[in-house]
Amino acid sequence: MNITISNASEKPIYQQLYEQISAQILKGELASGFCLPPIRQAALELRVSVITVKKAWEELERSGLIHTVTGKGCFVAEFTSDEKLRMRNELILKQMASDTLYYKSFGVTLDEVIELLKKVY
């Protein structure tokens, strides 16, 4: 599990954790059954609060990406390739919908968004 936390980011740390771990799960970098580190251990290694990690793990579980086995830990859920693709697309569309509102507030057209996206992609 490879996580990079940015204290300069506008995104809360728990959201950075959620987004990075969910991406690793949906790309197959974290396999089904992979055991996430215990909350306290992850907090210590990442130098963040236990509450922050707990919130990220709760979001991952609420999204169905992980499941908790009492007394054993949190594990990556099992997915078919189609399920991973569907979940990935749902997360991307959710982010794109939010971003689109921002672009529209500047009066940017779809063609302009596509051209700008090409520049940064």
PDB file of N, CA and C in Angstrom:
ATOM      1  N   MET A   1       0.855  -1.173   0.000  1.00  0.00           N
ATOM      2  CA  MET A   1       0.000   0.000   0.000  1.00  0.00           C
ATOM      3  C   MET A   1       0.899   1.233   0.000  1.00  0.00           C
ATOM      4  N   ASN A   2       0.717   2.069  -1.002  1.00  0.00           N
ATOM      5  CA  ASN A   2       1.552   3.247  -1.159  1.00  0.00           C
ATOM      6  C   ASN A   2       0.673   4.488  -1.018  1.00  0.00           C
ATOM      7  N   ILE A   3       0.909   5.266   0.025  1.00  0.00           N
ATOM      8  CA  ILE A   3       0.085   6.449   0.309  1.00  0.00           C
ATOM      9  C   ILE A   3       0.988   7.671   0.431  1.00  0.00           C
ATOM     10  N   THR A   4       0.572   8.763  -0.207  1.00  0.00           N
ATOM     11  CA  THR A   4       1.267  10.033  -0.074  1.00  0.00           C
ATOM     12  C   THR A   4       0.274  11.072   0.438  1.00  0.00           C
ATOM     13  N   ILE A   5       0.574  11.638   1.578  1.00  0.00           N
ATOM     14  CA  ILE A   5      -0.289  12.643   2.187  1.00  0.00           C
ATOM     15  C   ILE A   5       0.277  14.023   1.897  1.00  0.00           C
ATOM     16  N   SER A   6      -0.594  14.927   1.458  1.00  0.00           N
ATOM     17  CA  SER A   6      -0.183  16.310   1.219  1.00  0.00           C
ATOM     18  C   SER A   6      -0.904  17.216   2.212  1.00  0.00           C
ATOM     19  N   ASN A   7      -0.127  17.816   3.094  1.00  0.00           N
ATOM     20  CA  ASN A   7      -0.715  18.763   4.044  1.00  0.00           C
ATOM     21  C   ASN A   7      -1.093  20.074   3.365  1.00  0.00           C
ATOM     22  N   ALA A   8      -0.557  20.297   2.166  1.00  0.00           N
ATOM     23  CA  ALA A   8      -0.861  21.519   1.425  1.00  0.00           C
ATOM     24  C   ALA A   8      -2.141  21.386   0.598  1.00  0.00           C
ATOM     25  N   SER A   9      -2.648  20.160   0.461  1.00  0.00           N
ATOM     26  CA  SER A   9      -3.847  19.923  -0.341  1.00  0.00           C
ATOM     27  C   SER A   9      -5.084  20.521   0.323  1.00  0.00           C
ATOM     28  N   GLU A  10      -6.019  20.944  -0.508  1.00  0.00           N
ATOM     29  CA  GLU A  10      -7.298  21.429   0.007  1.00  0.00           C
ATOM     30  C   GLU A  10      -8.176  20.277   0.492  1.00  0.00           C
ATOM     31  N   LYS A  11      -7.865  19.056   0.019  1.00  0.00           N
ATOM     32  CA  LYS A  11      -8.652  17.886   0.408  1.00  0.00           C
ATOM     33  C   LYS A  11      -8.273  17.458   1.816  1.00  0.00           C
ATOM     34  N   PRO A  12      -9.271  17.108   2.616  1.00  0.00           N
ATOM     35  CA  PRO A  12      -8.959  16.584   3.952  1.00  0.00           C
ATOM     36  C   PRO A  12      -8.120  15.312   3.835  1.00  0.00           C
ATOM     37  N   ILE A  13      -7.317  15.054   4.845  1.00  0.00           N
ATOM     38  CA  ILE A  13      -6.418  13.896   4.799  1.00  0.00           C
ATOM     39  C   ILE A  13      -7.190  12.591   4.691  1.00  0.00           C
ATOM     40  N   TYR A  14      -8.325  12.471   5.395  1.00  0.00           N
ATOM     41  CA  TYR A  14      -9.089  11.223   5.309  1.00  0.00           C
ATOM     42  C   TYR A  14      -9.541  10.977   3.874  1.00  0.00           C
ATOM     43  N   GLN A  15      -9.879  12.056   3.149  1.00  0.00           N
ATOM     44  CA  GLN A  15     -10.318  11.922   1.760  1.00  0.00           C
ATOM     45  C   GLN A  15      -9.138  11.530   0.856  1.00  0.00           C
ATOM     46  N   GLN A  16      -7.965  12.064   1.134  1.00  0.00           N
ATOM     47  CA  GLN A  16      -6.773  11.664   0.380  1.00  0.00           C
ATOM     48  C   GLN A  16      -6.518  10.170   0.564  1.00  0.00           C
ATOM     49  N   LEU A  17      -6.633   9.709   1.805  1.00  0.00           N
ATOM     50  CA  LEU A  17      -6.469   8.281   2.092  1.00  0.00           C
ATOM     51  C   LEU A  17      -7.503   7.453   1.341  1.00  0.00           C
ATOM     52  N   TYR A  18      -8.765   7.866   1.449  1.00  0.00           N
ATOM     53  CA  TYR A  18      -9.852   7.143   0.789  1.00  0.00           C
ATOM     54  C   TYR A  18      -9.607   7.056  -0.716  1.00  0.00           C
ATOM     55  N   GLU A  19      -9.286   8.178  -1.328  1.00  0.00           N
ATOM     56  CA  GLU A  19      -9.118   8.211  -2.779  1.00  0.00           C
ATOM     57  C   GLU A  19      -7.931   7.363  -3.240  1.00  0.00           C
ATOM     58  N   GLN A  20      -6.826   7.433  -2.525  1.00  0.00           N
ATOM     59  CA  GLN A  20      -5.649   6.675  -2.936  1.00  0.00           C
ATOM     60  C   GLN A  20      -5.848   5.171  -2.743  1.00  0.00           C
ATOM     61  N   ILE A  21      -6.444   4.781  -1.614  1.00  0.00           N
ATOM     62  CA  ILE A  21      -6.656   3.352  -1.375  1.00  0.00           C
ATOM     63  C   ILE A  21      -7.725   2.810  -2.317  1.00  0.00           C
ATOM     64  N   SER A  22      -8.800   3.571  -2.526  1.00  0.00           N
ATOM     65  CA  SER A  22      -9.839   3.086  -3.445  1.00  0.00           C
ATOM     66  C   SER A  22      -9.277   2.929  -4.852  1.00  0.00           C
ATOM     67  N   ALA A  23      -8.424   3.849  -5.288  1.00  0.00           N
ATOM     68  CA  ALA A  23      -7.806   3.739  -6.613  1.00  0.00           C
ATOM     69  C   ALA A  23      -6.925   2.494  -6.689  1.00  0.00           C
ATOM     70  N   GLN A  24      -6.167   2.226  -5.635  1.00  0.00           N
ATOM     71  CA  GLN A  24      -5.294   1.051  -5.626  1.00  0.00           C
ATOM     72  C   GLN A  24      -6.114  -0.239  -5.653  1.00  0.00           C
ATOM     73  N   ILE A  25      -7.244  -0.237  -4.971  1.00  0.00           N
ATOM     74  CA  ILE A  25      -8.121  -1.415  -4.986  1.00  0.00           C
ATOM     75  C   ILE A  25      -8.706  -1.612  -6.377  1.00  0.00           C
ATOM     76  N   LEU A  26      -9.236  -0.544  -6.966  1.00  0.00           N
ATOM     77  CA  LEU A  26      -9.921  -0.658  -8.248  1.00  0.00           C
ATOM     78  C   LEU A  26      -8.969  -0.889  -9.419  1.00  0.00           C
ATOM     79  N   LYS A  27      -7.695  -0.528  -9.249  1.00  0.00           N
ATOM     80  CA  LYS A  27      -6.694  -0.828 -10.278  1.00  0.00           C
ATOM     81  C   LYS A  27      -6.113  -2.224 -10.097  1.00  0.00           C
ATOM     82  N   GLY A  28      -6.469  -2.877  -8.988  1.00  0.00           N
ATOM     83  CA  GLY A  28      -5.957  -4.220  -8.739  1.00  0.00           C
ATOM     84  C   GLY A  28      -4.615  -4.256  -8.034  1.00  0.00           C
ATOM     85  N   GLU A  29      -4.121  -3.104  -7.601  1.00  0.00           N
ATOM     86  CA  GLU A  29      -2.848  -3.050  -6.887  1.00  0.00           C
ATOM     87  C   GLU A  29      -2.977  -3.651  -5.485  1.00  0.00           C
ATOM     88  N   LEU A  30      -4.166  -3.542  -4.904  1.00  0.00           N
ATOM     89  CA  LEU A  30      -4.468  -4.184  -3.624  1.00  0.00           C
ATOM     90  C   LEU A  30      -5.480  -5.283  -3.938  1.00  0.00           C
ATOM     91  N   ALA A  31      -5.043  -6.503  -3.832  1.00  0.00           N
ATOM     92  CA  ALA A  31      -5.858  -7.650  -4.231  1.00  0.00           C
ATOM     93  C   ALA A  31      -6.965  -7.942  -3.228  1.00  0.00           C
ATOM     94  N   SER A  32      -7.993  -8.625  -3.703  1.00  0.00           N
ATOM     95  CA  SER A  32      -9.065  -9.088  -2.827  1.00  0.00           C
ATOM     96  C   SER A  32      -8.452  -9.880  -1.688  1.00  0.00           C
ATOM     97  N   GLY A  33      -8.926  -9.615  -0.476  1.00  0.00           N
ATOM     98  CA  GLY A  33      -8.423 -10.309   0.693  1.00  0.00           C
ATOM     99  C   GLY A  33      -7.221  -9.657   1.338  1.00  0.00           C
ATOM    100  N   PHE A  34      -6.635  -8.641   0.674  1.00  0.00           N
ATOM    101  CA  PHE A  34      -5.502  -7.928   1.260  1.00  0.00           C
ATOM    102  C   PHE A  34      -5.933  -7.304   2.577  1.00  0.00           C
ATOM    103  N   CYS A  35      -5.123  -7.477   3.607  1.00  0.00           N
ATOM    104  CA  CYS A  35      -5.435  -6.935   4.929  1.00  0.00           C
ATOM    105  C   CYS A  35      -4.810  -5.549   5.073  1.00  0.00           C
ATOM    106  N   LEU A  36      -5.647  -4.538   5.262  1.00  0.00           N
ATOM    107  CA  LEU A  36      -5.146  -3.194   5.501  1.00  0.00           C
ATOM    108  C   LEU A  36      -4.477  -3.158   6.869  1.00  0.00           C
ATOM    109  N   PRO A  37      -3.500  -2.282   7.042  1.00  0.00           N
ATOM    110  CA  PRO A  37      -2.864  -2.210   8.356  1.00  0.00           C
ATOM    111  C   PRO A  37      -3.877  -1.739   9.405  1.00  0.00           C
ATOM    112  N   PRO A  38      -3.682  -2.147  10.648  1.00  0.00           N
ATOM    113  CA  PRO A  38      -4.567  -1.658  11.706  1.00  0.00           C
ATOM    114  C   PRO A  38      -4.572  -0.130  11.742  1.00  0.00           C
ATOM    115  N   ILE A  39      -5.663   0.436  12.162  1.00  0.00           N
ATOM    116  CA  ILE A  39      -5.832   1.894  12.167  1.00  0.00           C
ATOM    117  C   ILE A  39      -4.701   2.596  12.900  1.00  0.00           C
ATOM    118  N   ARG A  40      -4.371   2.126  14.094  1.00  0.00           N
ATOM    119  CA  ARG A  40      -3.310   2.776  14.878  1.00  0.00           C
ATOM    120  C   ARG A  40      -1.953   2.696  14.171  1.00  0.00           C
ATOM    121  N   GLN A  41      -1.655   1.558  13.587  1.00  0.00           N
ATOM    122  CA  GLN A  41      -0.391   1.383  12.867  1.00  0.00           C
ATOM    123  C   GLN A  41      -0.336   2.315  11.657  1.00  0.00           C
ATOM    124  N   ALA A  42      -1.425   2.373  10.890  1.00  0.00           N
ATOM    125  CA  ALA A  42      -1.467   3.248   9.713  1.00  0.00           C
ATOM    126  C   ALA A  42      -1.303   4.707  10.131  1.00  0.00           C
ATOM    127  N   ALA A  43      -1.972   5.100  11.208  1.00  0.00           N
ATOM    128  CA  ALA A  43      -1.868   6.479  11.696  1.00  0.00           C
ATOM    129  C   ALA A  43      -0.426   6.810  12.081  1.00  0.00           C
ATOM    130  N   LEU A  44       0.220   5.885  12.763  1.00  0.00           N
ATOM    131  CA  LEU A  44       1.608   6.087  13.182  1.00  0.00           C
ATOM    132  C   LEU A  44       2.530   6.199  11.973  1.00  0.00           C
ATOM    133  N   GLU A  45       2.381   5.286  11.010  1.00  0.00           N
ATOM    134  CA  GLU A  45       3.243   5.294   9.821  1.00  0.00           C
ATOM    135  C   GLU A  45       3.020   6.525   8.955  1.00  0.00           C
ATOM    136  N   LEU A  46       1.764   6.971   8.856  1.00  0.00           N
ATOM    137  CA  LEU A  46       1.439   8.128   8.014  1.00  0.00           C
ATOM    138  C   LEU A  46       1.574   9.457   8.761  1.00  0.00           C
ATOM    139  N   ARG A  47       1.767   9.361  10.085  1.00  0.00           N
ATOM    140  CA  ARG A  47       1.896  10.546  10.941  1.00  0.00           C
ATOM    141  C   ARG A  47       0.643  11.412  10.891  1.00  0.00           C
ATOM    142  N   VAL A  48      -0.494  10.736  11.006  1.00  0.00           N
ATOM    143  CA  VAL A  48      -1.789  11.417  11.071  1.00  0.00           C
ATOM    144  C   VAL A  48      -2.542  10.873  12.283  1.00  0.00           C
ATOM    145  N   SER A  49      -3.669  11.478  12.599  1.00  0.00           N
ATOM    146  CA  SER A  49      -4.417  11.032  13.768  1.00  0.00           C
ATOM    147  C   SER A  49      -5.150   9.718  13.494  1.00  0.00           C
ATOM    148  N   VAL A  50      -5.380   8.986  14.560  1.00  0.00           N
ATOM    149  CA  VAL A  50      -6.134   7.739  14.493  1.00  0.00           C
ATOM    150  C   VAL A  50      -7.541   8.019  13.964  1.00  0.00           C
ATOM    151  N   ILE A  51      -8.119   9.134  14.379  1.00  0.00           N
ATOM    152  CA  ILE A  51      -9.475   9.501  13.950  1.00  0.00           C
ATOM    153  C   ILE A  51      -9.524   9.681  12.428  1.00  0.00           C
ATOM    154  N   THR A  52      -8.486  10.273  11.868  1.00  0.00           N
ATOM    155  CA  THR A  52      -8.416  10.485  10.418  1.00  0.00           C
ATOM    156  C   THR A  52      -8.407   9.151   9.669  1.00  0.00           C
ATOM    157  N   VAL A  53      -7.576   8.230  10.109  1.00  0.00           N
ATOM    158  CA  VAL A  53      -7.499   6.922   9.456  1.00  0.00           C
ATOM    159  C   VAL A  53      -8.812   6.171   9.643  1.00  0.00           C
ATOM    160  N   LYS A  54      -9.369   6.236  10.844  1.00  0.00           N
ATOM    161  CA  LYS A  54     -10.638   5.554  11.121  1.00  0.00           C
ATOM    162  C   LYS A  54     -11.724   6.053  10.172  1.00  0.00           C
ATOM    163  N   LYS A  55     -11.763   7.368   9.950  1.00  0.00           N
ATOM    164  CA  LYS A  55     -12.764   7.937   9.051  1.00  0.00           C
ATOM    165  C   LYS A  55     -12.564   7.439   7.614  1.00  0.00           C
ATOM    166  N   ALA A  56     -11.314   7.353   7.170  1.00  0.00           N
ATOM    167  CA  ALA A  56     -11.035   6.855   5.813  1.00  0.00           C
ATOM    168  C   ALA A  56     -11.454   5.396   5.692  1.00  0.00           C
ATOM    169  N   TRP A  57     -11.127   4.573   6.694  1.00  0.00           N
ATOM    170  CA  TRP A  57     -11.485   3.152   6.666  1.00  0.00           C
ATOM    171  C   TRP A  57     -13.006   2.988   6.664  1.00  0.00           C
ATOM    172  N   GLU A  58     -13.695   3.849   7.435  1.00  0.00           N
ATOM    173  CA  GLU A  58     -15.168   3.798   7.453  1.00  0.00           C
ATOM    174  C   GLU A  58     -15.746   4.135   6.084  1.00  0.00           C
ATOM    175  N   GLU A  59     -15.173   5.123   5.410  1.00  0.00           N
ATOM    176  CA  GLU A  59     -15.628   5.494   4.060  1.00  0.00           C
ATOM    177  C   GLU A  59     -15.384   4.349   3.076  1.00  0.00           C
ATOM    178  N   LEU A  60     -14.237   3.710   3.194  1.00  0.00           N
ATOM    179  CA  LEU A  60     -13.935   2.569   2.326  1.00  0.00           C
ATOM    180  C   LEU A  60     -14.933   1.442   2.547  1.00  0.00           C
ATOM    181  N   GLU A  61     -15.290   1.218   3.815  1.00  0.00           N
ATOM    182  CA  GLU A  61     -16.256   0.156   4.112  1.00  0.00           C
ATOM    183  C   GLU A  61     -17.654   0.537   3.634  1.00  0.00           C
ATOM    184  N   ARG A  62     -18.019   1.794   3.842  1.00  0.00           N
ATOM    185  CA  ARG A  62     -19.335   2.271   3.399  1.00  0.00           C
ATOM    186  C   ARG A  62     -19.472   2.164   1.876  1.00  0.00           C
ATOM    187  N   SER A  63     -18.363   2.324   1.180  1.00  0.00           N
ATOM    188  CA  SER A  63     -18.361   2.217  -0.286  1.00  0.00           C
ATOM    189  C   SER A  63     -18.331   0.770  -0.766  1.00  0.00           C
ATOM    190  N   GLY A  64     -18.148  -0.149   0.169  1.00  0.00           N
ATOM    191  CA  GLY A  64     -18.108  -1.556  -0.200  1.00  0.00           C
ATOM    192  C   GLY A  64     -16.757  -2.030  -0.698  1.00  0.00           C
ATOM    193  N   LEU A  65     -15.730  -1.198  -0.529  1.00  0.00           N
ATOM    194  CA  LEU A  65     -14.404  -1.557  -1.015  1.00  0.00           C
ATOM    195  C   LEU A  65     -13.650  -2.463  -0.047  1.00  0.00           C
ATOM    196  N   ILE A  66     -13.963  -2.330   1.230  1.00  0.00           N
ATOM    197  CA  ILE A  66     -13.347  -3.197   2.237  1.00  0.00           C
ATOM    198  C   ILE A  66     -14.435  -3.723   3.156  1.00  0.00           C
ATOM    199  N   HIS A  67     -14.087  -4.745   3.932  1.00  0.00           N
ATOM    200  CA  HIS A  67     -15.001  -5.247   4.957  1.00  0.00           C
ATOM    201  C   HIS A  67     -14.183  -5.563   6.192  1.00  0.00           C
ATOM    202  N   THR A  68     -14.826  -5.457   7.346  1.00  0.00           N
ATOM    203  CA  THR A  68     -14.154  -5.684   8.618  1.00  0.00           C
ATOM    204  C   THR A  68     -14.531  -7.048   9.169  1.00  0.00           C
ATOM    205  N   VAL A  69     -13.523  -7.749   9.628  1.00  0.00           N
ATOM    206  CA  VAL A  69     -13.734  -9.009  10.325  1.00  0.00           C
ATOM    207  C   VAL A  69     -13.330  -8.742  11.775  1.00  0.00           C
ATOM    208  N   THR A  70     -14.312  -8.798  12.674  1.00  0.00           N
ATOM    209  CA  THR A  70     -14.064  -8.472  14.071  1.00  0.00           C
ATOM    210  C   THR A  70     -12.906  -9.290  14.621  1.00  0.00           C
ATOM    211  N   GLY A  71     -11.966  -8.583  15.221  1.00  0.00           N
ATOM    212  CA  GLY A  71     -10.809  -9.227  15.823  1.00  0.00           C
ATOM    213  C   GLY A  71      -9.702  -9.584  14.854  1.00  0.00           C
ATOM    214  N   LYS A  72      -9.935  -9.399  13.566  1.00  0.00           N
ATOM    215  CA  LYS A  72      -8.919  -9.782  12.568  1.00  0.00           C
ATOM    216  C   LYS A  72      -8.437  -8.599  11.741  1.00  0.00           C
ATOM    217  N   GLY A  73      -9.326  -7.654  11.429  1.00  0.00           N
ATOM    218  CA  GLY A  73      -8.909  -6.489  10.665  1.00  0.00           C
ATOM    219  C   GLY A  73      -9.832  -6.160   9.514  1.00  0.00           C
ATOM    220  N   CYS A  74      -9.338  -5.267   8.677  1.00  0.00           N
ATOM    221  CA  CYS A  74     -10.085  -4.808   7.506  1.00  0.00           C
ATOM    222  C   CYS A  74      -9.436  -5.391   6.255  1.00  0.00           C
ATOM    223  N   PHE A  75     -10.282  -5.941   5.385  1.00  0.00           N
ATOM    224  CA  PHE A  75      -9.800  -6.639   4.202  1.00  0.00           C
ATOM    225  C   PHE A  75     -10.445  -6.079   2.945  1.00  0.00           C
ATOM    226  N   VAL A  76      -9.674  -6.093   1.847  1.00  0.00           N
ATOM    227  CA  VAL A  76     -10.206  -5.664   0.557  1.00  0.00           C
ATOM    228  C   VAL A  76     -11.283  -6.666   0.137  1.00  0.00           C
ATOM    229  N   ALA A  77     -12.414  -6.130  -0.275  1.00  0.00           N
ATOM    230  CA  ALA A  77     -13.542  -6.967  -0.704  1.00  0.00           C
ATOM    231  C   ALA A  77     -13.215  -7.637  -2.037  1.00  0.00           C
ATOM    232  N   GLU A  78     -13.970  -8.691  -2.340  1.00  0.00           N
ATOM    233  CA  GLU A  78     -13.784  -9.389  -3.613  1.00  0.00           C
ATOM    234  C   GLU A  78     -14.664  -8.750  -4.678  1.00  0.00           C
ATOM    235  N   PHE A  79     -14.081  -8.558  -5.856  1.00  0.00           N
ATOM    236  CA  PHE A  79     -14.786  -7.947  -6.975  1.00  0.00           C
ATOM    237  C   PHE A  79     -14.471  -8.690  -8.258  1.00  0.00           C
ATOM    238  N   THR A  80     -15.444  -8.732  -9.148  1.00  0.00           N
ATOM    239  CA  THR A  80     -15.160  -9.189 -10.505  1.00  0.00           C
ATOM    240  C   THR A  80     -14.567  -7.999 -11.261  1.00  0.00           C
ATOM    241  N   SER A  81     -14.011  -8.258 -12.411  1.00  0.00           N
ATOM    242  CA  SER A  81     -13.454  -7.179 -13.238  1.00  0.00           C
ATOM    243  C   SER A  81     -14.541  -6.173 -13.603  1.00  0.00           C
ATOM    244  N   ASP A  82     -15.730  -6.679 -13.899  1.00  0.00           N
ATOM    245  CA  ASP A  82     -16.849  -5.793 -14.252  1.00  0.00           C
ATOM    246  C   ASP A  82     -17.253  -4.912 -13.081  1.00  0.00           C
ATOM    247  N   GLU A  83     -17.260  -5.480 -11.879  1.00  0.00           N
ATOM    248  CA  GLU A  83     -17.610  -4.691 -10.690  1.00  0.00           C
ATOM    249  C   GLU A  83     -16.577  -3.601 -10.441  1.00  0.00           C
ATOM    250  N   LYS A  84     -15.302  -3.925 -10.605  1.00  0.00           N
ATOM    251  CA  LYS A  84     -14.244  -2.921 -10.425  1.00  0.00           C
ATOM    252  C   LYS A  84     -14.401  -1.789 -11.427  1.00  0.00           C
ATOM    253  N   LEU A  85     -14.678  -2.148 -12.670  1.00  0.00           N
ATOM    254  CA  LEU A  85     -14.856  -1.144 -13.711  1.00  0.00           C
ATOM    255  C   LEU A  85     -16.055  -0.251 -13.408  1.00  0.00           C
ATOM    256  N   ARG A  86     -17.171  -0.870 -12.997  1.00  0.00           N
ATOM    257  CA  ARG A  86     -18.370  -0.105 -12.662  1.00  0.00           C
ATOM    258  C   ARG A  86     -18.098   0.850 -11.497  1.00  0.00           C
ATOM    259  N   MET A  87     -17.451   0.364 -10.442  1.00  0.00           N
ATOM    260  CA  MET A  87     -17.166   1.206  -9.276  1.00  0.00           C
ATOM    261  C   MET A  87     -16.195   2.327  -9.639  1.00  0.00           C
ATOM    262  N   ARG A  88     -15.181   2.003 -10.439  1.00  0.00           N
ATOM    263  CA  ARG A  88     -14.219   3.019 -10.866  1.00  0.00           C
ATOM    264  C   ARG A  88     -14.934   4.125 -11.633  1.00  0.00           C
ATOM    265  N   ASN A  89     -15.788   3.725 -12.578  1.00  0.00           N
ATOM    266  CA  ASN A  89     -16.505   4.706 -13.384  1.00  0.00           C
ATOM    267  C   ASN A  89     -17.448   5.554 -12.541  1.00  0.00           C
ATOM    268  N   GLU A  90     -18.087   4.950 -11.539  1.00  0.00           N
ATOM    269  CA  GLU A  90     -18.966   5.709 -10.640  1.00  0.00           C
ATOM    270  C   GLU A  90     -18.182   6.780  -9.887  1.00  0.00           C
ATOM    271  N   LEU A  91     -17.008   6.415  -9.372  1.00  0.00           N
ATOM    272  CA  LEU A  91     -16.185   7.387  -8.646  1.00  0.00           C
ATOM    273  C   LEU A  91     -15.712   8.507  -9.568  1.00  0.00           C
ATOM    274  N   ILE A  92     -15.306   8.134 -10.775  1.00  0.00           N
ATOM    275  CA  ILE A  92     -14.835   9.137 -11.731  1.00  0.00           C
ATOM    276  C   ILE A  92     -15.962  10.079 -12.133  1.00  0.00           C
ATOM    277  N   LEU A  93     -17.143   9.523 -12.415  1.00  0.00           N
ATOM    278  CA  LEU A  93     -18.279  10.362 -12.811  1.00  0.00           C
ATOM    279  C   LEU A  93     -18.693  11.305 -11.686  1.00  0.00           C
ATOM    280  N   LYS A  94     -18.625  10.838 -10.463  1.00  0.00           N
ATOM    281  CA  LYS A  94     -18.959  11.691  -9.314  1.00  0.00           C
ATOM    282  C   LYS A  94     -18.000  12.880  -9.241  1.00  0.00           C
ATOM    283  N   GLN A  95     -16.709  12.613  -9.414  1.00  0.00           N
ATOM    284  CA  GLN A  95     -15.717  13.690  -9.389  1.00  0.00           C
ATOM    285  C   GLN A  95     -15.905  14.618 -10.579  1.00  0.00           C
ATOM    286  N   MET A  96     -16.158  14.050 -11.747  1.00  0.00           N
ATOM    287  CA  MET A  96     -16.342  14.862 -12.949  1.00  0.00           C
ATOM    288  C   MET A  96     -17.570  15.758 -12.834  1.00  0.00           C
ATOM    289  N   ALA A  97     -18.622  15.270 -12.214  1.00  0.00           N
ATOM    290  CA  ALA A  97     -19.824  16.088 -12.036  1.00  0.00           C
ATOM    291  C   ALA A  97     -19.510  17.308 -11.185  1.00  0.00           C
ATOM    292  N   SER A  98     -18.747  17.094 -10.130  1.00  0.00           N
ATOM    293  CA  SER A  98     -18.345  18.201  -9.265  1.00  0.00           C
ATOM    294  C   SER A  98     -17.451  19.189 -10.025  1.00  0.00           C
ATOM    295  N   ASP A  99     -16.486  18.652 -10.755  1.00  0.00           N
ATOM    296  CA  ASP A  99     -15.577  19.505 -11.524  1.00  0.00           C
ATOM    297  C   ASP A  99     -16.322  20.290 -12.601  1.00  0.00           C
ATOM    298  N   THR A 100     -17.301  19.644 -13.228  1.00  0.00           N
ATOM    299  CA  THR A 100     -18.060  20.289 -14.296  1.00  0.00           C
ATOM    300  C   THR A 100     -18.799  21.520 -13.785  1.00  0.00           C
ATOM    301  N   LEU A 101     -19.348  21.441 -12.595  1.00  0.00           N
ATOM    302  CA  LEU A 101     -20.014  22.615 -12.002  1.00  0.00           C
ATOM    303  C   LEU A 101     -19.035  23.775 -11.861  1.00  0.00           C
ATOM    304  N   TYR A 102     -17.825  23.458 -11.456  1.00  0.00           N
ATOM    305  CA  TYR A 102     -16.792  24.480 -11.306  1.00  0.00           C
ATOM    306  C   TYR A 102     -16.470  25.123 -12.654  1.00  0.00           C
ATOM    307  N   TYR A 103     -16.280  24.290 -13.687  1.00  0.00           N
ATOM    308  CA  TYR A 103     -15.964  24.812 -15.020  1.00  0.00           C
ATOM    309  C   TYR A 103     -17.098  25.677 -15.558  1.00  0.00           C
ATOM    310  N   LYS A 104     -18.318  25.209 -15.341  1.00  0.00           N
ATOM    311  CA  LYS A 104     -19.478  25.972 -15.826  1.00  0.00           C
ATOM    312  C   LYS A 104     -19.573  27.332 -15.152  1.00  0.00           C
ATOM    313  N   SER A 105     -19.123  27.416 -13.911  1.00  0.00           N
ATOM    314  CA  SER A 105     -19.183  28.702 -13.208  1.00  0.00           C
ATOM    315  C   SER A 105     -18.296  29.749 -13.880  1.00  0.00           C
ATOM    316  N   PHE A 106     -17.316  29.307 -14.663  1.00  0.00           N
ATOM    317  CA  PHE A 106     -16.456  30.210 -15.425  1.00  0.00           C
ATOM    318  C   PHE A 106     -16.965  30.420 -16.845  1.00  0.00           C
ATOM    319  N   GLY A 107     -18.047  29.734 -17.192  1.00  0.00           N
ATOM    320  CA  GLY A 107     -18.585  29.856 -18.537  1.00  0.00           C
ATOM    321  C   GLY A 107     -17.786  29.077 -19.569  1.00  0.00           C
ATOM    322  N   VAL A 108     -17.026  28.085 -19.130  1.00  0.00           N
ATOM    323  CA  VAL A 108     -16.198  27.292 -20.041  1.00  0.00           C
ATOM    324  C   VAL A 108     -17.084  26.296 -20.785  1.00  0.00           C
ATOM    325  N   THR A 109     -16.891  26.212 -22.094  1.00  0.00           N
ATOM    326  CA  THR A 109     -17.680  25.281 -22.905  1.00  0.00           C
ATOM    327  C   THR A 109     -17.085  23.873 -22.824  1.00  0.00           C
ATOM    328  N   LEU A 110     -17.866  22.894 -23.265  1.00  0.00           N
ATOM    329  CA  LEU A 110     -17.399  21.514 -23.286  1.00  0.00           C
ATOM    330  C   LEU A 110     -16.150  21.375 -24.151  1.00  0.00           C
ATOM    331  N   ASP A 111     -16.148  22.022 -25.311  1.00  0.00           N
ATOM    332  CA  ASP A 111     -14.979  21.955 -26.192  1.00  0.00           C
ATOM    333  C   ASP A 111     -13.739  22.536 -25.507  1.00  0.00           C
ATOM    334  N   GLU A 112     -13.924  23.627 -24.770  1.00  0.00           N
ATOM    335  CA  GLU A 112     -12.796  24.229 -24.056  1.00  0.00           C
ATOM    336  C   GLU A 112     -12.297  23.294 -22.952  1.00  0.00           C
ATOM    337  N   VAL A 113     -13.223  22.642 -22.242  1.00  0.00           N
ATOM    338  CA  VAL A 113     -12.840  21.694 -21.190  1.00  0.00           C
ATOM    339  C   VAL A 113     -12.024  20.559 -21.790  1.00  0.00           C
ATOM    340  N   ILE A 114     -12.471  20.044 -22.925  1.00  0.00           N
ATOM    341  CA  ILE A 114     -11.762  18.944 -23.580  1.00  0.00           C
ATOM    342  C   ILE A 114     -10.349  19.370 -23.974  1.00  0.00           C
ATOM    343  N   GLU A 115     -10.213  20.559 -24.523  1.00  0.00           N
ATOM    344  CA  GLU A 115      -8.890  21.053 -24.920  1.00  0.00           C
ATOM    345  C   GLU A 115      -7.998  21.253 -23.705  1.00  0.00           C
ATOM    346  N   LEU A 116      -8.549  21.803 -22.626  1.00  0.00           N
ATOM    347  CA  LEU A 116      -7.762  22.001 -21.407  1.00  0.00           C
ATOM    348  C   LEU A 116      -7.359  20.650 -20.795  1.00  0.00           C
ATOM    349  N   LEU A 117      -8.281  19.700 -20.827  1.00  0.00           N
ATOM    350  CA  LEU A 117      -7.990  18.372 -20.299  1.00  0.00           C
ATOM    351  C   LEU A 117      -6.866  17.703 -21.088  1.00  0.00           C
ATOM    352  N   LYS A 118      -6.883  17.868 -22.398  1.00  0.00           N
ATOM    353  CA  LYS A 118      -5.829  17.309 -23.237  1.00  0.00           C
ATOM    354  C   LYS A 118      -4.457  17.872 -22.847  1.00  0.00           C
ATOM    355  N   LYS A 119      -4.419  19.147 -22.471  1.00  0.00           N
ATOM    356  CA  LYS A 119      -3.159  19.796 -22.096  1.00  0.00           C
ATOM    357  C   LYS A 119      -2.591  19.226 -20.792  1.00  0.00           C
ATOM    358  N   VAL A 120      -3.468  18.914 -19.863  1.00  0.00           N
ATOM    359  CA  VAL A 120      -2.979  18.432 -18.565  1.00  0.00           C
ATOM    360  C   VAL A 120      -2.860  16.924 -18.481  1.00  0.00           C
ATOM    361  N   TYR A 121      -3.524  16.222 -19.391  1.00  0.00           N
ATOM    362  CA  TYR A 121      -3.502  14.758 -19.364  1.00  0.00           C
ATOM    363  C   TYR A 121      -2.236  14.244 -19.974  1.00  0.00           C
TER     364      TYR A 121
END
